[in-house]
Amino acid sequence: MFNKKKPNVEMIRSLKKIFSEKKQIPDTSLLSIAELSCHEPNCPPIETIITERTIDGKLNN
């Protein structure tokens, strides 16, 4: 999904839009999407993390 050198900006925007609509996240929230290498047993090699931060700074995962 993400190229380590240059993220696919359109793909990220599309994912944020889909996720926001499905989870009914307000436009005032900030969404971050990241892919991380997982080193725990029985974990996929890459995991995608989506984080929401509300306008008041509260973190929602």
N, C-alpha and C. Protein backbone atom coordinates (compact mmCIF):
# COMPACT_ATOMS: atom_id res chain seq x y z
N MET A 1 0.82 -1.18 0.00
CA MET A 1 0.00 0.00 0.00
C MET A 1 0.87 1.26 0.00
N PHE A 2 1.86 1.31 0.86
CA PHE A 2 2.72 2.48 0.94
C PHE A 2 4.09 2.15 0.37
N ASN A 3 4.62 3.03 -0.41
CA ASN A 3 5.98 2.91 -0.89
C ASN A 3 6.87 3.60 0.13
N LYS A 4 7.88 2.92 0.63
CA LYS A 4 8.72 3.46 1.70
C LYS A 4 9.34 4.81 1.33
N LYS A 5 9.62 5.04 0.05
CA LYS A 5 10.26 6.28 -0.36
C LYS A 5 9.26 7.40 -0.58
N LYS A 6 8.10 7.07 -1.14
CA LYS A 6 7.10 8.10 -1.42
C LYS A 6 5.71 7.49 -1.26
N PRO A 7 4.95 7.95 -0.25
CA PRO A 7 3.60 7.41 -0.05
C PRO A 7 2.68 7.76 -1.21
N ASN A 8 1.72 6.92 -1.46
CA ASN A 8 0.70 7.16 -2.47
C ASN A 8 -0.37 8.06 -1.83
N VAL A 9 -0.25 9.35 -2.06
CA VAL A 9 -1.10 10.34 -1.40
C VAL A 9 -2.58 10.11 -1.72
N GLU A 10 -2.90 9.80 -2.95
CA GLU A 10 -4.30 9.56 -3.33
C GLU A 10 -4.87 8.34 -2.61
N MET A 11 -4.07 7.29 -2.46
CA MET A 11 -4.52 6.09 -1.75
C MET A 11 -4.78 6.42 -0.28
N ILE A 12 -3.91 7.19 0.32
CA ILE A 12 -4.07 7.56 1.73
C ILE A 12 -5.33 8.41 1.91
N ARG A 13 -5.54 9.37 1.04
CA ARG A 13 -6.76 10.19 1.12
C ARG A 13 -8.01 9.34 0.97
N SER A 14 -7.97 8.40 0.04
CA SER A 14 -9.10 7.51 -0.18
C SER A 14 -9.38 6.66 1.07
N LEU A 15 -8.35 6.11 1.66
CA LEU A 15 -8.52 5.30 2.88
C LEU A 15 -9.08 6.13 4.02
N LYS A 16 -8.57 7.34 4.18
CA LYS A 16 -9.07 8.22 5.25
C LYS A 16 -10.55 8.53 5.04
N LYS A 17 -10.95 8.77 3.78
CA LYS A 17 -12.34 9.08 3.48
C LYS A 17 -13.24 7.87 3.79
N ILE A 18 -12.84 6.70 3.32
CA ILE A 18 -13.62 5.48 3.57
C ILE A 18 -13.75 5.22 5.06
N PHE A 19 -12.62 5.29 5.78
CA PHE A 19 -12.62 5.03 7.21
C PHE A 19 -13.49 6.05 7.95
N SER A 20 -13.37 7.33 7.59
CA SER A 20 -14.15 8.39 8.23
C SER A 20 -15.64 8.17 8.05
N GLU A 21 -16.03 7.78 6.84
CA GLU A 21 -17.45 7.55 6.57
C GLU A 21 -17.97 6.33 7.32
N LYS A 22 -17.21 5.23 7.30
CA LYS A 22 -17.66 3.99 7.95
C LYS A 22 -17.76 4.16 9.47
N LYS A 23 -16.81 4.89 10.05
CA LYS A 23 -16.77 5.05 11.51
C LYS A 23 -17.42 6.35 11.99
N GLN A 24 -17.99 7.11 11.05
CA GLN A 24 -18.67 8.37 11.34
C GLN A 24 -17.77 9.31 12.15
N ILE A 25 -16.56 9.51 11.65
CA ILE A 25 -15.60 10.38 12.30
C ILE A 25 -15.84 11.81 11.80
N PRO A 26 -15.94 12.77 12.70
CA PRO A 26 -16.21 14.16 12.27
C PRO A 26 -15.05 14.75 11.48
N ASP A 27 -15.38 15.71 10.63
CA ASP A 27 -14.37 16.38 9.81
C ASP A 27 -13.33 17.12 10.65
N THR A 28 -13.67 17.44 11.89
CA THR A 28 -12.75 18.17 12.76
C THR A 28 -11.66 17.27 13.34
N SER A 29 -11.80 15.96 13.19
CA SER A 29 -10.78 15.03 13.69
C SER A 29 -9.65 14.88 12.68
N LEU A 30 -8.47 14.59 13.18
CA LEU A 30 -7.30 14.35 12.34
C LEU A 30 -7.04 12.84 12.32
N LEU A 31 -6.99 12.26 11.13
CA LEU A 31 -6.69 10.85 10.98
C LEU A 31 -5.25 10.68 10.50
N SER A 32 -4.56 9.72 11.09
CA SER A 32 -3.22 9.35 10.64
C SER A 32 -3.23 7.88 10.29
N ILE A 33 -2.58 7.52 9.19
CA ILE A 33 -2.46 6.12 8.78
C ILE A 33 -0.98 5.82 8.61
N ALA A 34 -0.56 4.72 9.23
CA ALA A 34 0.85 4.32 9.14
C ALA A 34 0.95 2.81 9.00
N GLU A 35 1.98 2.36 8.32
CA GLU A 35 2.28 0.93 8.25
C GLU A 35 3.55 0.70 9.04
N LEU A 36 3.50 -0.30 9.90
CA LEU A 36 4.63 -0.62 10.76
C LEU A 36 5.01 -2.08 10.61
N SER A 37 6.28 -2.37 10.75
CA SER A 37 6.74 -3.76 10.78
C SER A 37 6.43 -4.34 12.15
N CYS A 38 5.86 -5.53 12.15
CA CYS A 38 5.52 -6.19 13.41
C CYS A 38 6.54 -7.27 13.70
N HIS A 39 7.05 -7.29 14.91
CA HIS A 39 8.07 -8.26 15.30
C HIS A 39 7.57 -9.22 16.37
N GLU A 40 6.27 -9.22 16.65
CA GLU A 40 5.70 -10.10 17.66
C GLU A 40 5.33 -11.44 17.02
N PRO A 41 5.34 -12.51 17.81
CA PRO A 41 4.96 -13.83 17.27
C PRO A 41 3.51 -13.81 16.75
N ASN A 42 3.27 -14.55 15.69
CA ASN A 42 1.94 -14.70 15.08
C ASN A 42 1.33 -13.38 14.60
N CYS A 43 2.14 -12.43 14.34
CA CYS A 43 1.69 -11.12 13.86
C CYS A 43 2.04 -11.02 12.38
N PRO A 44 1.16 -10.42 11.57
CA PRO A 44 1.53 -10.22 10.17
C PRO A 44 2.80 -9.37 10.06
N PRO A 45 3.58 -9.53 9.02
CA PRO A 45 4.84 -8.79 8.92
C PRO A 45 4.65 -7.27 8.88
N ILE A 46 3.55 -6.82 8.32
CA ILE A 46 3.24 -5.39 8.27
C ILE A 46 1.84 -5.19 8.84
N GLU A 47 1.71 -4.22 9.76
CA GLU A 47 0.38 -3.90 10.27
C GLU A 47 0.09 -2.43 10.00
N THR A 48 -1.18 -2.15 9.73
CA THR A 48 -1.61 -0.79 9.45
C THR A 48 -2.26 -0.22 10.70
N ILE A 49 -1.82 0.96 11.09
CA ILE A 49 -2.32 1.63 12.28
C ILE A 49 -3.08 2.89 11.83
N ILE A 50 -4.33 3.02 12.29
CA ILE A 50 -5.12 4.21 12.01
C ILE A 50 -5.42 4.87 13.35
N THR A 51 -5.07 6.14 13.45
CA THR A 51 -5.23 6.88 14.69
C THR A 51 -6.09 8.11 14.44
N GLU A 52 -7.02 8.38 15.35
CA GLU A 52 -7.85 9.58 15.28
C GLU A 52 -7.50 10.49 16.44
N ARG A 53 -7.30 11.75 16.14
CA ARG A 53 -7.09 12.76 17.18
C ARG A 53 -8.21 13.79 17.02
N THR A 54 -8.96 14.00 18.11
CA THR A 54 -10.08 14.94 18.06
C THR A 54 -9.58 16.38 18.18
N ILE A 55 -10.47 17.31 17.93
CA ILE A 55 -10.11 18.73 17.94
C ILE A 55 -9.58 19.18 19.31
N ASP A 56 -10.01 18.51 20.37
CA ASP A 56 -9.54 18.89 21.72
C ASP A 56 -8.23 18.16 22.08
N GLY A 57 -7.67 17.44 21.13
CA GLY A 57 -6.39 16.76 21.34
C GLY A 57 -6.51 15.34 21.87
N LYS A 58 -7.74 14.89 22.15
CA LYS A 58 -7.95 13.54 22.66
C LYS A 58 -7.59 12.52 21.59
N LEU A 59 -6.90 11.46 21.99
CA LEU A 59 -6.48 10.42 21.07
C LEU A 59 -7.46 9.27 21.11
N ASN A 60 -7.97 8.87 19.94
CA ASN A 60 -8.87 7.72 19.82
C ASN A 60 -8.24 6.72 18.88
N ASN A 61 -8.12 5.46 19.29
CA ASN A 61 -7.58 4.40 18.42
C ASN A 61 -8.66 3.41 18.11
